[in-house]
PDB file of N, CA and C in Angstrom:
ATOM      1  N   MET A   1     -33.958  93.071-200.219  1.00  0.00           N
ATOM      2  CA  MET A   1     -32.929  92.404-200.942  1.00  0.00           C
ATOM      3  C   MET A   1     -32.504  93.211-202.146  1.00  0.00           C
ATOM      4  N   VAL A   2     -33.397  93.917-202.742  1.00  0.00           N
ATOM      5  CA  VAL A   2     -33.084  94.726-203.915  1.00  0.00           C
ATOM      6  C   VAL A   2     -32.169  95.868-203.502  1.00  0.00           C
ATOM      7  N   MET A   3     -32.320  96.376-202.273  1.00  0.00           N
ATOM      8  CA  MET A   3     -31.494  97.480-201.783  1.00  0.00           C
ATOM      9  C   MET A   3     -30.056  97.035-201.594  1.00  0.00           C
ATOM     10  N   LYS A   4     -29.839  95.819-201.131  1.00  0.00           N
ATOM     11  CA  LYS A   4     -28.473  95.342-200.911  1.00  0.00           C
ATOM     12  C   LYS A   4     -27.718  95.262-202.229  1.00  0.00           C
ATOM     13  N   GLY A   5     -28.306  94.805-203.272  1.00  0.00           N
ATOM     14  CA  GLY A   5     -27.672  94.726-204.582  1.00  0.00           C
ATOM     15  C   GLY A   5     -27.346  96.102-205.125  1.00  0.00           C
ATOM     16  N   TYR A   6     -28.254  97.059-204.879  1.00  0.00           N
ATOM     17  CA  TYR A   6     -28.060  98.431-205.340  1.00  0.00           C
ATOM     18  C   TYR A   6     -26.840  99.046-204.659  1.00  0.00           C
ATOM     19  N   PHE A   7     -26.697  98.840-203.342  1.00  0.00           N
ATOM     20  CA  PHE A   7     -25.536  99.385-202.605  1.00  0.00           C
ATOM     21  C   PHE A   7     -24.241  98.729-203.060  1.00  0.00           C
ATOM     22  N   LYS A   8     -24.266  97.447-203.394  1.00  0.00           N
ATOM     23  CA  LYS A   8     -23.072  96.773-203.904  1.00  0.00           C
ATOM     24  C   LYS A   8     -22.638  97.397-205.219  1.00  0.00           C
ATOM     25  N   PHE A   9     -23.598  97.696-206.093  1.00  0.00           N
ATOM     26  CA  PHE A   9     -23.309  98.278-207.394  1.00  0.00           C
ATOM     27  C   PHE A   9     -22.681  99.667-207.231  1.00  0.00           C
ATOM     28  N   ILE A  10     -23.221 100.472-206.319  1.00  0.00           N
ATOM     29  CA  ILE A  10     -22.687 101.822-206.078  1.00  0.00           C
ATOM     30  C   ILE A  10     -21.279 101.722-205.461  1.00  0.00           C
ATOM     31  N   PHE A  11     -21.093 100.816-204.528  1.00  0.00           N
ATOM     32  CA  PHE A  11     -19.792 100.643-203.861  1.00  0.00           C
ATOM     33  C   PHE A  11     -18.731 100.212-204.855  1.00  0.00           C
ATOM     34  N   ILE A  12     -19.011  99.267-205.714  1.00  0.00           N
ATOM     35  CA  ILE A  12     -18.066  98.806-206.728  1.00  0.00           C
ATOM     36  C   ILE A  12     -17.781  99.919-207.723  1.00  0.00           C
ATOM     37  N   GLY A  13     -18.771 100.704-208.066  1.00  0.00           N
ATOM     38  CA  GLY A  13     -18.582 101.827-208.987  1.00  0.00           C
ATOM     39  C   GLY A  13     -17.646 102.871-208.390  1.00  0.00           C
ATOM     40  N   ILE A  14     -17.799 103.179-207.114  1.00  0.00           N
ATOM     41  CA  ILE A  14     -16.940 104.176-206.458  1.00  0.00           C
ATOM     42  C   ILE A  14     -15.501 103.664-206.393  1.00  0.00           C
ATOM     43  N   LEU A  15     -15.327 102.390-206.079  1.00  0.00           N
ATOM     44  CA  LEU A  15     -13.981 101.810-206.049  1.00  0.00           C
ATOM     45  C   LEU A  15     -13.328 101.856-207.427  1.00  0.00           C
ATOM     46  N   GLY A  16     -14.098 101.607-208.458  1.00  0.00           N
ATOM     47  CA  GLY A  16     -13.566 101.656-209.817  1.00  0.00           C
ATOM     48  C   GLY A  16     -13.106 103.063-210.184  1.00  0.00           C
ATOM     49  N   LEU A  17     -13.911 104.070-209.809  1.00  0.00           N
ATOM     50  CA  LEU A  17     -13.538 105.459-210.105  1.00  0.00           C
ATOM     51  C   LEU A  17     -12.256 105.869-209.361  1.00  0.00           C
ATOM     52  N   LEU A  18     -12.126 105.444-208.117  1.00  0.00           N
ATOM     53  CA  LEU A  18     -10.909 105.756-207.349  1.00  0.00           C
ATOM     54  C   LEU A  18      -9.690 105.096-207.974  1.00  0.00           C
ATOM     55  N   PHE A  19      -9.863 103.886-208.479  1.00  0.00           N
ATOM     56  CA  PHE A  19      -8.763 103.176-209.131  1.00  0.00           C
ATOM     57  C   PHE A  19      -8.319 103.907-210.386  1.00  0.00           C
ATOM     58  N   LEU A  20      -9.274 104.333-211.192  1.00  0.00           N
ATOM     59  CA  LEU A  20      -8.952 105.057-212.422  1.00  0.00           C
ATOM     60  C   LEU A  20      -8.311 106.411-212.113  1.00  0.00           C
ATOM     61  N   ALA A  21      -8.762 107.072-211.045  1.00  0.00           N
ATOM     62  CA  ALA A  21      -8.191 108.361-210.666  1.00  0.00           C
ATOM     63  C   ALA A  21      -6.726 108.191-210.240  1.00  0.00           C
ATOM     64  N   GLY A  22      -6.406 107.051-209.658  1.00  0.00           N
ATOM     65  CA  GLY A  22      -5.022 106.789-209.263  1.00  0.00           C
ATOM     66  C   GLY A  22      -4.131 106.504-210.450  1.00  0.00           C
ATOM     67  N   LEU A  23      -4.678 106.047-211.571  1.00  0.00           N
ATOM     68  CA  LEU A  23      -3.875 105.737-212.750  1.00  0.00           C
ATOM     69  C   LEU A  23      -3.524 106.971-213.572  1.00  0.00           C
ATOM     70  N   PHE A  24      -4.333 108.023-213.528  1.00  0.00           N
ATOM     71  CA  PHE A  24      -4.103 109.204-214.366  1.00  0.00           C
ATOM     72  C   PHE A  24      -2.752 109.869-214.123  1.00  0.00           C
ATOM     73  N   PRO A  25      -2.306 110.085-212.874  1.00  0.00           N
ATOM     74  CA  PRO A  25      -0.993 110.730-212.702  1.00  0.00           C
ATOM     75  C   PRO A  25       0.149 109.877-213.258  1.00  0.00           C
ATOM     76  N   ALA A  26       0.028 108.568-213.264  1.00  0.00           N
ATOM     77  CA  ALA A  26       1.083 107.702-213.776  1.00  0.00           C
ATOM     78  C   ALA A  26       1.186 107.777-215.287  1.00  0.00           C
ATOM     79  N   CYS A  27       0.146 108.213-215.957  1.00  0.00           N
ATOM     80  CA  CYS A  27       0.143 108.271-217.412  1.00  0.00           C
ATOM     81  C   CYS A  27       0.611 109.617-217.951  1.00  0.00           C
ATOM     82  N   SER A  28       0.928 110.563-217.105  1.00  0.00           N
ATOM     83  CA  SER A  28       1.336 111.883-217.589  1.00  0.00           C
ATOM     84  C   SER A  28       2.713 111.779-218.230  1.00  0.00           C
ATOM     85  N   LYS A  29       2.997 112.676-219.191  1.00  0.00           N
ATOM     86  CA  LYS A  29       4.244 112.628-219.939  1.00  0.00           C
ATOM     87  C   LYS A  29       5.351 113.449-219.269  1.00  0.00           C
ATOM     88  N   GLU A  30       5.070 114.140-218.183  1.00  0.00           N
ATOM     89  CA  GLU A  30       6.086 114.937-217.508  1.00  0.00           C
ATOM     90  C   GLU A  30       7.070 114.020-216.791  1.00  0.00           C
ATOM     91  N   LYS A  31       8.343 114.401-216.840  1.00  0.00           N
ATOM     92  CA  LYS A  31       9.385 113.644-216.140  1.00  0.00           C
ATOM     93  C   LYS A  31       9.442 114.132-214.696  1.00  0.00           C
ATOM     94  N   SER A  32       9.886 113.286-213.839  1.00  0.00           N
ATOM     95  CA  SER A  32      10.005 113.697-212.432  1.00  0.00           C
ATOM     96  C   SER A  32      11.184 114.652-212.292  1.00  0.00           C
ATOM     97  N   GLY A  33      11.294 115.342-211.136  1.00  0.00           N
ATOM     98  CA  GLY A  33      12.293 116.390-210.920  1.00  0.00           C
ATOM     99  C   GLY A  33      13.717 115.861-210.814  1.00  0.00           C
ATOM    100  N   THR A  34      13.940 114.572-210.574  1.00  0.00           N
ATOM    101  CA  THR A  34      15.304 114.076-210.392  1.00  0.00           C
ATOM    102  C   THR A  34      16.060 113.958-211.709  1.00  0.00           C
ATOM    103  N   ALA A  35      15.369 113.858-212.821  1.00  0.00           N
ATOM    104  CA  ALA A  35      16.045 113.697-214.103  1.00  0.00           C
ATOM    105  C   ALA A  35      16.721 114.992-214.539  1.00  0.00           C
ATOM    106  N   GLY A  36      16.314 116.131-214.030  1.00  0.00           N
ATOM    107  CA  GLY A  36      16.867 117.406-214.452  1.00  0.00           C
ATOM    108  C   GLY A  36      18.143 117.786-213.715  1.00  0.00           C
ATOM    109  N   LEU A  37      18.616 117.001-212.739  1.00  0.00           N
ATOM    110  CA  LEU A  37      19.817 117.337-211.978  1.00  0.00           C
ATOM    111  C   LEU A  37      21.069 117.036-212.790  1.00  0.00           C
ATOM    112  N   ALA A  38      22.122 117.821-212.541  1.00  0.00           N
ATOM    113  CA  ALA A  38      23.400 117.624-213.229  1.00  0.00           C
ATOM    114  C   ALA A  38      24.087 116.382-212.656  1.00  0.00           C
ATOM    115  N   PRO A  39      24.895 115.686-213.449  1.00  0.00           N
ATOM    116  CA  PRO A  39      25.603 114.508-212.940  1.00  0.00           C
ATOM    117  C   PRO A  39      26.648 114.909-211.894  1.00  0.00           C
ATOM    118  N   LEU A  40      26.843 114.059-210.911  1.00  0.00           N
ATOM    119  CA  LEU A  40      27.799 114.320-209.838  1.00  0.00           C
ATOM    120  C   LEU A  40      29.189 113.850-210.257  1.00  0.00           C
ATOM    121  N   PRO A  41      30.251 114.613-209.870  1.00  0.00           N
ATOM    122  CA  PRO A  41      31.609 114.175-210.222  1.00  0.00           C
ATOM    123  C   PRO A  41      32.017 112.968-209.377  1.00  0.00           C
ATOM    124  N   VAL A  42      32.794 112.068-209.964  1.00  0.00           N
ATOM    125  CA  VAL A  42      33.264 110.862-209.291  1.00  0.00           C
ATOM    126  C   VAL A  42      34.782 110.896-209.269  1.00  0.00           C
ATOM    127  N   VAL A  43      35.374 110.619-208.089  1.00  0.00           N
ATOM    128  CA  VAL A  43      36.819 110.593-207.948  1.00  0.00           C
ATOM    129  C   VAL A  43      37.251 109.140-207.792  1.00  0.00           C
ATOM    130  N   VAL A  44      38.274 108.738-208.525  1.00  0.00           N
ATOM    131  CA  VAL A  44      38.771 107.364-208.485  1.00  0.00           C
ATOM    132  C   VAL A  44      40.140 107.372-207.825  1.00  0.00           C
ATOM    133  N   GLY A  45      40.381 106.410-206.927  1.00  0.00           N
ATOM    134  CA  GLY A  45      41.667 106.306-206.264  1.00  0.00           C
ATOM    135  C   GLY A  45      42.142 104.868-206.252  1.00  0.00           C
ATOM    136  N   ILE A  46      43.449 104.692-206.027  1.00  0.00           N
ATOM    137  CA  ILE A  46      44.027 103.355-205.973  1.00  0.00           C
ATOM    138  C   ILE A  46      43.993 102.881-204.527  1.00  0.00           C
ATOM    139  N   ALA A  47      43.511 101.683-204.305  1.00  0.00           N
ATOM    140  CA  ALA A  47      43.447 101.108-202.963  1.00  0.00           C
ATOM    141  C   ALA A  47      44.820 100.592-202.567  1.00  0.00           C
ATOM    142  N   THR A  48      45.253 100.922-201.345  1.00  0.00           N
ATOM    143  CA  THR A  48      46.532 100.437-200.835  1.00  0.00           C
ATOM    144  C   THR A  48      46.293  99.753-199.494  1.00  0.00           C
ATOM    145  N   GLN A  49      47.173  98.824-199.163  1.00  0.00           N
ATOM    146  CA  GLN A  49      47.061  98.114-197.906  1.00  0.00           C
ATOM    147  C   GLN A  49      48.147  98.616-196.970  1.00  0.00           C
ATOM    148  N   LYS A  50      47.763  99.064-195.771  1.00  0.00           N
ATOM    149  CA  LYS A  50      48.690  99.601-194.784  1.00  0.00           C
ATOM    150  C   LYS A  50      48.284  99.115-193.411  1.00  0.00           C
ATOM    151  N   THR A  51      49.231  99.134-192.499  1.00  0.00           N
ATOM    152  CA  THR A  51      48.898  98.870-191.106  1.00  0.00           C
ATOM    153  C   THR A  51      48.497 100.194-190.476  1.00  0.00           C
ATOM    154  N   VAL A  52      47.404 100.178-189.794  1.00  0.00           N
ATOM    155  CA  VAL A  52      46.874 101.393-189.185  1.00  0.00           C
ATOM    156  C   VAL A  52      46.886 101.195-187.674  1.00  0.00           C
ATOM    157  N   PRO A  53      47.506 102.112-186.934  1.00  0.00           N
ATOM    158  CA  PRO A  53      47.502 101.955-185.478  1.00  0.00           C
ATOM    159  C   PRO A  53      46.088 102.143-184.923  1.00  0.00           C
ATOM    160  N   VAL A  54      45.763 101.313-183.957  1.00  0.00           N
ATOM    161  CA  VAL A  54      44.445 101.394-183.343  1.00  0.00           C
ATOM    162  C   VAL A  54      44.523 102.422-182.220  1.00  0.00           C
ATOM    163  N   GLN A  55      43.745 103.458-182.340  1.00  0.00           N
ATOM    164  CA  GLN A  55      43.720 104.502-181.326  1.00  0.00           C
ATOM    165  C   GLN A  55      42.283 104.735-180.898  1.00  0.00           C
ATOM    166  N   LEU A  56      42.145 104.993-179.619  1.00  0.00           N
ATOM    167  CA  LEU A  56      40.831 105.287-179.080  1.00  0.00           C
ATOM    168  C   LEU A  56      40.973 106.543-178.240  1.00  0.00           C
ATOM    169  N   ARG A  57      40.293 107.578-178.647  1.00  0.00           N
ATOM    170  CA  ARG A  57      40.333 108.826-177.884  1.00  0.00           C
ATOM    171  C   ARG A  57      39.028 108.954-177.126  1.00  0.00           C
ATOM    172  N   ALA A  58      39.153 108.922-175.814  1.00  0.00           N
ATOM    173  CA  ALA A  58      37.960 108.984-174.973  1.00  0.00           C
ATOM    174  C   ALA A  58      38.337 109.609-173.642  1.00  0.00           C
ATOM    175  N   ILE A  59      37.359 110.070-172.966  1.00  0.00           N
ATOM    176  CA  ILE A  59      37.534 110.614-171.627  1.00  0.00           C
ATOM    177  C   ILE A  59      36.993 109.578-170.660  1.00  0.00           C
ATOM    178  N   GLY A  60      37.787 109.244-169.676  1.00  0.00           N
ATOM    179  CA  GLY A  60      37.324 108.239-168.728  1.00  0.00           C
ATOM    180  C   GLY A  60      38.367 107.978-167.669  1.00  0.00           C
ATOM    181  N   ASN A  61      38.159 106.944-166.907  1.00  0.00           N
ATOM    182  CA  ASN A  61      39.071 106.540-165.847  1.00  0.00           C
ATOM    183  C   ASN A  61      39.740 105.242-166.242  1.00  0.00           C
ATOM    184  N   VAL A  62      41.000 105.108-165.870  1.00  0.00           N
ATOM    185  CA  VAL A  62      41.753 103.899-166.156  1.00  0.00           C
ATOM    186  C   VAL A  62      42.078 103.248-164.824  1.00  0.00           C
ATOM    187  N   GLN A  63      41.890 101.938-164.756  1.00  0.00           N
ATOM    188  CA  GLN A  63      42.189 101.207-163.539  1.00  0.00           C
ATOM    189  C   GLN A  63      43.097 100.034-163.897  1.00  0.00           C
ATOM    190  N   ALA A  64      44.155  99.834-163.122  1.00  0.00           N
ATOM    191  CA  ALA A  64      45.107  98.765-163.390  1.00  0.00           C
ATOM    192  C   ALA A  64      44.467  97.406-163.134  1.00  0.00           C
ATOM    193  N   TYR A  65      44.991  96.388-163.842  1.00  0.00           N
ATOM    194  CA  TYR A  65      44.506  95.024-163.618  1.00  0.00           C
ATOM    195  C   TYR A  65      44.820  94.576-162.194  1.00  0.00           C
ATOM    196  N   SER A  66      46.024  94.883-161.750  1.00  0.00           N
ATOM    197  CA  SER A  66      46.412  94.520-160.389  1.00  0.00           C
ATOM    198  C   SER A  66      47.361  95.585-159.863  1.00  0.00           C
ATOM    199  N   THR A  67      47.367  95.732-158.566  1.00  0.00           N
ATOM    200  CA  THR A  67      48.262  96.692-157.929  1.00  0.00           C
ATOM    201  C   THR A  67      49.061  95.963-156.852  1.00  0.00           C
ATOM    202  N   VAL A  68      50.200  96.528-156.522  1.00  0.00           N
ATOM    203  CA  VAL A  68      51.075  95.937-155.515  1.00  0.00           C
ATOM    204  C   VAL A  68      51.462  97.025-154.534  1.00  0.00           C
ATOM    205  N   THR A  69      51.444  96.700-153.269  1.00  0.00           N
ATOM    206  CA  THR A  69      51.907  97.620-152.247  1.00  0.00           C
ATOM    207  C   THR A  69      53.326  97.231-151.874  1.00  0.00           C
ATOM    208  N   VAL A  70      54.240  98.174-151.975  1.00  0.00           N
ATOM    209  CA  VAL A  70      55.639  97.918-151.658  1.00  0.00           C
ATOM    210  C   VAL A  70      55.933  98.571-150.315  1.00  0.00           C
ATOM    211  N   LYS A  71      56.434  97.753-149.386  1.00  0.00           N
ATOM    212  CA  LYS A  71      56.779  98.263-148.055  1.00  0.00           C
ATOM    213  C   LYS A  71      58.253  97.989-147.792  1.00  0.00           C
ATOM    214  N   SER A  72      58.898  98.944-147.169  1.00  0.00           N
ATOM    215  CA  SER A  72      60.303  98.810-146.829  1.00  0.00           C
ATOM    216  C   SER A  72      60.441  98.021-145.527  1.00  0.00           C
ATOM    217  N   ARG A  73      61.499  97.238-145.427  1.00  0.00           N
ATOM    218  CA  ARG A  73      61.755  96.499-144.186  1.00  0.00           C
ATOM    219  C   ARG A  73      62.401  97.399-143.134  1.00  0.00           C
ATOM    220  N   VAL A  74      63.014  98.483-143.599  1.00  0.00           N
ATOM    221  CA  VAL A  74      63.688  99.414-142.695  1.00  0.00           C
ATOM    222  C   VAL A  74      63.215 100.825-142.991  1.00  0.00           C
ATOM    223  N   PRO A  75      63.215 101.692-141.976  1.00  0.00           N
ATOM    224  CA  PRO A  75      62.830 103.087-142.242  1.00  0.00           C
ATOM    225  C   PRO A  75      63.988 103.831-142.896  1.00  0.00           C
ATOM    226  N   GLY A  76      63.662 104.854-143.650  1.00  0.00           N
ATOM    227  CA  GLY A  76      64.706 105.665-144.262  1.00  0.00           C
ATOM    228  C   GLY A  76      64.141 106.511-145.384  1.00  0.00           C
ATOM    229  N   GLN A  77      64.987 107.424-145.844  1.00  0.00           N
ATOM    230  CA  GLN A  77      64.583 108.317-146.914  1.00  0.00           C
ATOM    231  C   GLN A  77      64.993 107.705-148.247  1.00  0.00           C
ATOM    232  N   ILE A  78      64.081 107.757-149.226  1.00  0.00           N
ATOM    233  CA  ILE A  78      64.373 107.216-150.558  1.00  0.00           C
ATOM    234  C   ILE A  78      65.270 108.205-151.287  1.00  0.00           C
ATOM    235  N   MET A  79      66.420 107.695-151.749  1.00  0.00           N
ATOM    236  CA  MET A  79      67.377 108.535-152.451  1.00  0.00           C
ATOM    237  C   MET A  79      67.220 108.422-153.970  1.00  0.00           C
ATOM    238  N   ARG A  80      66.822 107.235-154.467  1.00  0.00           N
ATOM    239  CA  ARG A  80      66.729 107.024-155.904  1.00  0.00           C
ATOM    240  C   ARG A  80      65.673 105.969-156.211  1.00  0.00           C
ATOM    241  N   VAL A  81      64.982 106.164-157.342  1.00  0.00           N
ATOM    242  CA  VAL A  81      63.977 105.211-157.818  1.00  0.00           C
ATOM    243  C   VAL A  81      64.504 104.616-159.117  1.00  0.00           C
ATOM    244  N   TYR A  82      64.494 103.287-159.223  1.00  0.00           N
ATOM    245  CA  TYR A  82      65.082 102.606-160.376  1.00  0.00           C
ATOM    246  C   TYR A  82      64.054 102.112-161.392  1.00  0.00           C
ATOM    247  N   PHE A  83      62.844 102.597-161.366  1.00  0.00           N
ATOM    248  CA  PHE A  83      61.834 102.189-162.345  1.00  0.00           C
ATOM    249  C   PHE A  83      60.952 103.382-162.646  1.00  0.00           C
ATOM    250  N   LYS A  84      60.214 103.275-163.744  1.00  0.00           N
ATOM    251  CA  LYS A  84      59.237 104.303-164.106  1.00  0.00           C
ATOM    252  C   LYS A  84      57.846 103.723-163.906  1.00  0.00           C
ATOM    253  N   GLU A  85      56.904 104.566-163.655  1.00  0.00           N
ATOM    254  CA  GLU A  85      55.531 104.104-163.457  1.00  0.00           C
ATOM    255  C   GLU A  85      55.053 103.386-164.716  1.00  0.00           C
ATOM    256  N   GLY A  86      54.517 102.199-164.542  1.00  0.00           N
ATOM    257  CA  GLY A  86      54.017 101.404-165.651  1.00  0.00           C
ATOM    258  C   GLY A  86      55.003 100.379-166.166  1.00  0.00           C
ATOM    259  N   ASP A  87      56.284 100.429-165.707  1.00  0.00           N
ATOM    260  CA  ASP A  87      57.280  99.443-166.133  1.00  0.00           C
ATOM    261  C   ASP A  87      56.955  98.078-165.543  1.00  0.00           C
ATOM    262  N   ASP A  88      57.328  97.030-166.265  1.00  0.00           N
ATOM    263  CA  ASP A  88      57.227  95.678-165.731  1.00  0.00           C
ATOM    264  C   ASP A  88      58.461  95.427-164.877  1.00  0.00           C
ATOM    265  N   VAL A  89      58.269  94.857-163.703  1.00  0.00           N
ATOM    266  CA  VAL A  89      59.385  94.509-162.827  1.00  0.00           C
ATOM    267  C   VAL A  89      59.291  93.029-162.493  1.00  0.00           C
ATOM    268  N   LYS A  90      60.440  92.442-162.195  1.00  0.00           N
ATOM    269  CA  LYS A  90      60.505  91.028-161.861  1.00  0.00           C
ATOM    270  C   LYS A  90      61.096  90.868-160.474  1.00  0.00           C
ATOM    271  N   LYS A  91      60.940  89.686-159.929  1.00  0.00           N
ATOM    272  CA  LYS A  91      61.468  89.393-158.602  1.00  0.00           C
ATOM    273  C   LYS A  91      62.983  89.576-158.624  1.00  0.00           C
ATOM    274  N   GLY A  92      63.478  90.301-157.642  1.00  0.00           N
ATOM    275  CA  GLY A  92      64.911  90.540-157.539  1.00  0.00           C
ATOM    276  C   GLY A  92      65.363  91.851-158.146  1.00  0.00           C
ATOM    277  N   ASN A  93      64.510  92.536-158.907  1.00  0.00           N
ATOM    278  CA  ASN A  93      64.899  93.826-159.493  1.00  0.00           C
ATOM    279  C   ASN A  93      65.048  94.875-158.399  1.00  0.00           C
ATOM    280  N   LEU A  94      66.035  95.734-158.557  1.00  0.00           N
ATOM    281  CA  LEU A  94      66.241  96.843-157.634  1.00  0.00           C
ATOM    282  C   LEU A  94      65.195  97.906-157.933  1.00  0.00           C
ATOM    283  N   LEU A  95      64.416  98.295-156.916  1.00  0.00           N
ATOM    284  CA  LEU A  95      63.359  99.276-157.118  1.00  0.00           C
ATOM    285  C   LEU A  95      63.734 100.648-156.562  1.00  0.00           C
ATOM    286  N   PHE A  96      64.216 100.674-155.303  1.00  0.00           N
ATOM    287  CA  PHE A  96      64.530 101.931-154.632  1.00  0.00           C
ATOM    288  C   PHE A  96      65.895 101.824-153.969  1.00  0.00           C
ATOM    289  N   MET A  97      66.508 102.992-153.746  1.00  0.00           N
ATOM    290  CA  MET A  97      67.712 103.050-152.924  1.00  0.00           C
ATOM    291  C   MET A  97      67.389 103.935-151.727  1.00  0.00           C
ATOM    292  N   ILE A  98      67.498 103.344-150.561  1.00  0.00           N
ATOM    293  CA  ILE A  98      67.256 104.090-149.324  1.00  0.00           C
ATOM    294  C   ILE A  98      68.597 104.672-148.861  1.00  0.00           C
ATOM    295  N   ASP A  99      68.563 105.848-148.281  1.00  0.00           N
ATOM    296  CA  ASP A  99      69.783 106.536-147.826  1.00  0.00           C
ATOM    297  C   ASP A  99      70.584 105.604-146.910  1.00  0.00           C
ATOM    298  N   PRO A 100      71.800 105.228-147.327  1.00  0.00           N
ATOM    299  CA  PRO A 100      72.570 104.257-146.537  1.00  0.00           C
ATOM    300  C   PRO A 100      73.344 104.869-145.360  1.00  0.00           C
ATOM    301  N   ARG A 101      73.457 106.184-145.283  1.00  0.00           N
ATOM    302  CA  ARG A 101      74.291 106.813-144.255  1.00  0.00           C
ATOM    303  C   ARG A 101      73.888 106.467-142.826  1.00  0.00           C
ATOM    304  N   PRO A 102      72.595 106.480-142.458  1.00  0.00           N
ATOM    305  CA  PRO A 102      72.268 106.100-141.072  1.00  0.00           C
ATOM    306  C   PRO A 102      72.642 104.645-140.759  1.00  0.00           C
ATOM    307  N   PHE A 103      72.533 103.763-141.732  1.00  0.00           N
ATOM    308  CA  PHE A 103      72.861 102.360-141.510  1.00  0.00           C
ATOM    309  C   PHE A 103      74.368 102.165-141.416  1.00  0.00           C
ATOM    310  N   GLU A 104      75.120 102.898-142.246  1.00  0.00           N
ATOM    311  CA  GLU A 104      76.575 102.824-142.158  1.00  0.00           C
ATOM    312  C   GLU A 104      77.056 103.348-140.809  1.00  0.00           C
ATOM    313  N   ALA A 105      76.447 104.422-140.312  1.00  0.00           N
ATOM    314  CA  ALA A 105      76.822 104.971-139.001  1.00  0.00           C
ATOM    315  C   ALA A 105      76.489 103.975-137.891  1.00  0.00           C
ATOM    316  N   ALA A 106      75.344 103.311-137.982  1.00  0.00           N
ATOM    317  CA  ALA A 106      74.970 102.314-136.967  1.00  0.00           C
ATOM    318  C   ALA A 106      75.922 101.123-137.024  1.00  0.00           C
ATOM    319  N   LEU A 107      76.343 100.719-138.237  1.00  0.00           N
ATOM    320  CA  LEU A 107      77.298  99.616-138.368  1.00  0.00           C
ATOM    321  C   LEU A 107      78.631  99.983-137.728  1.00  0.00           C
ATOM    322  N   LYS A 108      79.124 101.191-138.009  1.00  0.00           N
ATOM    323  CA  LYS A 108      80.395 101.626-137.412  1.00  0.00           C
ATOM    324  C   LYS A 108      80.291 101.704-135.890  1.00  0.00           C
ATOM    325  N   GLN A 109      79.151 102.145-135.382  1.00  0.00           N
ATOM    326  CA  GLN A 109      78.932 102.202-133.932  1.00  0.00           C
ATOM    327  C   GLN A 109      78.954 100.795-133.342  1.00  0.00           C
ATOM    328  N   ALA A 110      78.297  99.841-134.025  1.00  0.00           N
ATOM    329  CA  ALA A 110      78.277  98.462-133.531  1.00  0.00           C
ATOM    330  C   ALA A 110      79.667  97.847-133.583  1.00  0.00           C
ATOM    331  N   GLU A 111      80.448  98.125-134.632  1.00  0.00           N
ATOM    332  CA  GLU A 111      81.816  97.612-134.716  1.00  0.00           C
ATOM    333  C   GLU A 111      82.687  98.210-133.619  1.00  0.00           C
ATOM    334  N   ALA A 112      82.499  99.507-133.352  1.00  0.00           N
ATOM    335  CA  ALA A 112      83.269 100.160-132.280  1.00  0.00           C
ATOM    336  C   ALA A 112      82.901  99.548-130.928  1.00  0.00           C
ATOM    337  N   ASN A 113      81.625  99.300-130.681  1.00  0.00           N
ATOM    338  CA  ASN A 113      81.194  98.671-129.424  1.00  0.00           C
ATOM    339  C   ASN A 113      81.794  97.258-129.301  1.00  0.00           C
ATOM    340  N   LEU A 114      81.841  96.517-130.422  1.00  0.00           N
ATOM    341  CA  LEU A 114      82.428  95.177-130.403  1.00  0.00           C
ATOM    342  C   LEU A 114      83.902  95.245-130.052  1.00  0.00           C
ATOM    343  N   GLU A 115      84.619  96.183-130.657  1.00  0.00           N
ATOM    344  CA  GLU A 115      86.047  96.333-130.359  1.00  0.00           C
ATOM    345  C   GLU A 115      86.258  96.703-128.883  1.00  0.00           C
ATOM    346  N   ARG A 116      85.414  97.594-128.383  1.00  0.00           N
ATOM    347  CA  ARG A 116      85.514  97.986-126.974  1.00  0.00           C
ATOM    348  C   ARG A 116      85.271  96.786-126.072  1.00  0.00           C
ATOM    349  N   ASP A 117      84.224  96.012-126.369  1.00  0.00           N
ATOM    350  CA  ASP A 117      83.905  94.840-125.549  1.00  0.00           C
ATOM    351  C   ASP A 117      85.010  93.797-125.624  1.00  0.00           C
ATOM    352  N   MET A 118      85.597  93.600-126.814  1.00  0.00           N
ATOM    353  CA  MET A 118      86.701  92.650-126.953  1.00  0.00           C
ATOM    354  C   MET A 118      87.914  93.110-126.128  1.00  0.00           C
ATOM    355  N   ALA A 119      88.144  94.422-126.131  1.00  0.00           N
ATOM    356  CA  ALA A 119      89.252  94.956-125.333  1.00  0.00           C
ATOM    357  C   ALA A 119      88.981  94.746-123.847  1.00  0.00           C
ATOM    358  N   GLN A 120      87.752  94.907-123.413  1.00  0.00           N
ATOM    359  CA  GLN A 120      87.396  94.695-122.003  1.00  0.00           C
ATOM    360  C   GLN A 120      87.558  93.218-121.632  1.00  0.00           C
ATOM    361  N   VAL A 121      87.206  92.314-122.553  1.00  0.00           N
ATOM    362  CA  VAL A 121      87.374  90.881-122.285  1.00  0.00           C
ATOM    363  C   VAL A 121      88.861  90.564-122.122  1.00  0.00           C
ATOM    364  N   LYS A 122      89.690  91.086-123.001  1.00  0.00           N
ATOM    365  CA  LYS A 122      91.139  90.851-122.902  1.00  0.00           C
ATOM    366  C   LYS A 122      91.689  91.444-121.605  1.00  0.00           C
ATOM    367  N   GLN A 123      91.208  92.600-121.217  1.00  0.00           N
ATOM    368  CA  GLN A 123      91.646  93.247-119.972  1.00  0.00           C
ATOM    369  C   GLN A 123      91.227  92.386-118.777  1.00  0.00           C
ATOM    370  N   ALA A 124      89.995  91.829-118.828  1.00  0.00           N
ATOM    371  CA  ALA A 124      89.522  91.006-117.715  1.00  0.00           C
ATOM    372  C   ALA A 124      90.328  89.697-117.641  1.00  0.00           C
ATOM    373  N   GLU A 125      90.688  89.121-118.783  1.00  0.00           N
ATOM    374  CA  GLU A 125      91.495  87.905-118.788  1.00  0.00           C
ATOM    375  C   GLU A 125      92.912  88.188-118.255  1.00  0.00           C
ATOM    376  N   ALA A 126      93.414  89.336-118.573  1.00  0.00           N
ATOM    377  CA  ALA A 126      94.753  89.706-118.109  1.00  0.00           C
ATOM    378  C   ALA A 126      94.770  89.928-116.610  1.00  0.00           C
ATOM    379  N   ASN A 127      93.697  90.431-116.050  1.00  0.00           N
ATOM    380  CA  ASN A 127      93.607  90.716-114.611  1.00  0.00           C
ATOM    381  C   ASN A 127      93.448  89.432-113.816  1.00  0.00           C
ATOM    382  N   LEU A 128      92.991  88.345-114.402  1.00  0.00           N
ATOM    383  CA  LEU A 128      92.811  87.102-113.671  1.00  0.00           C
ATOM    384  C   LEU A 128      94.122  86.436-113.577  1.00  0.00           C
TER     385      LEU A 128
END
């Protein structure tokens, strides 16, 4: 039992010495190294309120919300496009012009055939 008390006394003594050793550097009169630096210059400006455009510069892929497939009801060569990619279009807007010449030629051929057939009908009525 006497040994346990002796070890407690030595342990407390060592802790006390470590505590005092930690206090000595705090009591020194030397200033730390940050006090010797020169003051930094400060710039003052007037705050203004402006609208700033939101821009995002990134590399990536863009995908449309929705896509539409446009199919022609008749075959033909596209002569003119009436919209630009990305434009909004509405129902009834003219989108493309297909070459009308083949259709005009077919119409004239059909009108000529009709006239010929009408002439044949009149000829057949006259012969009866």
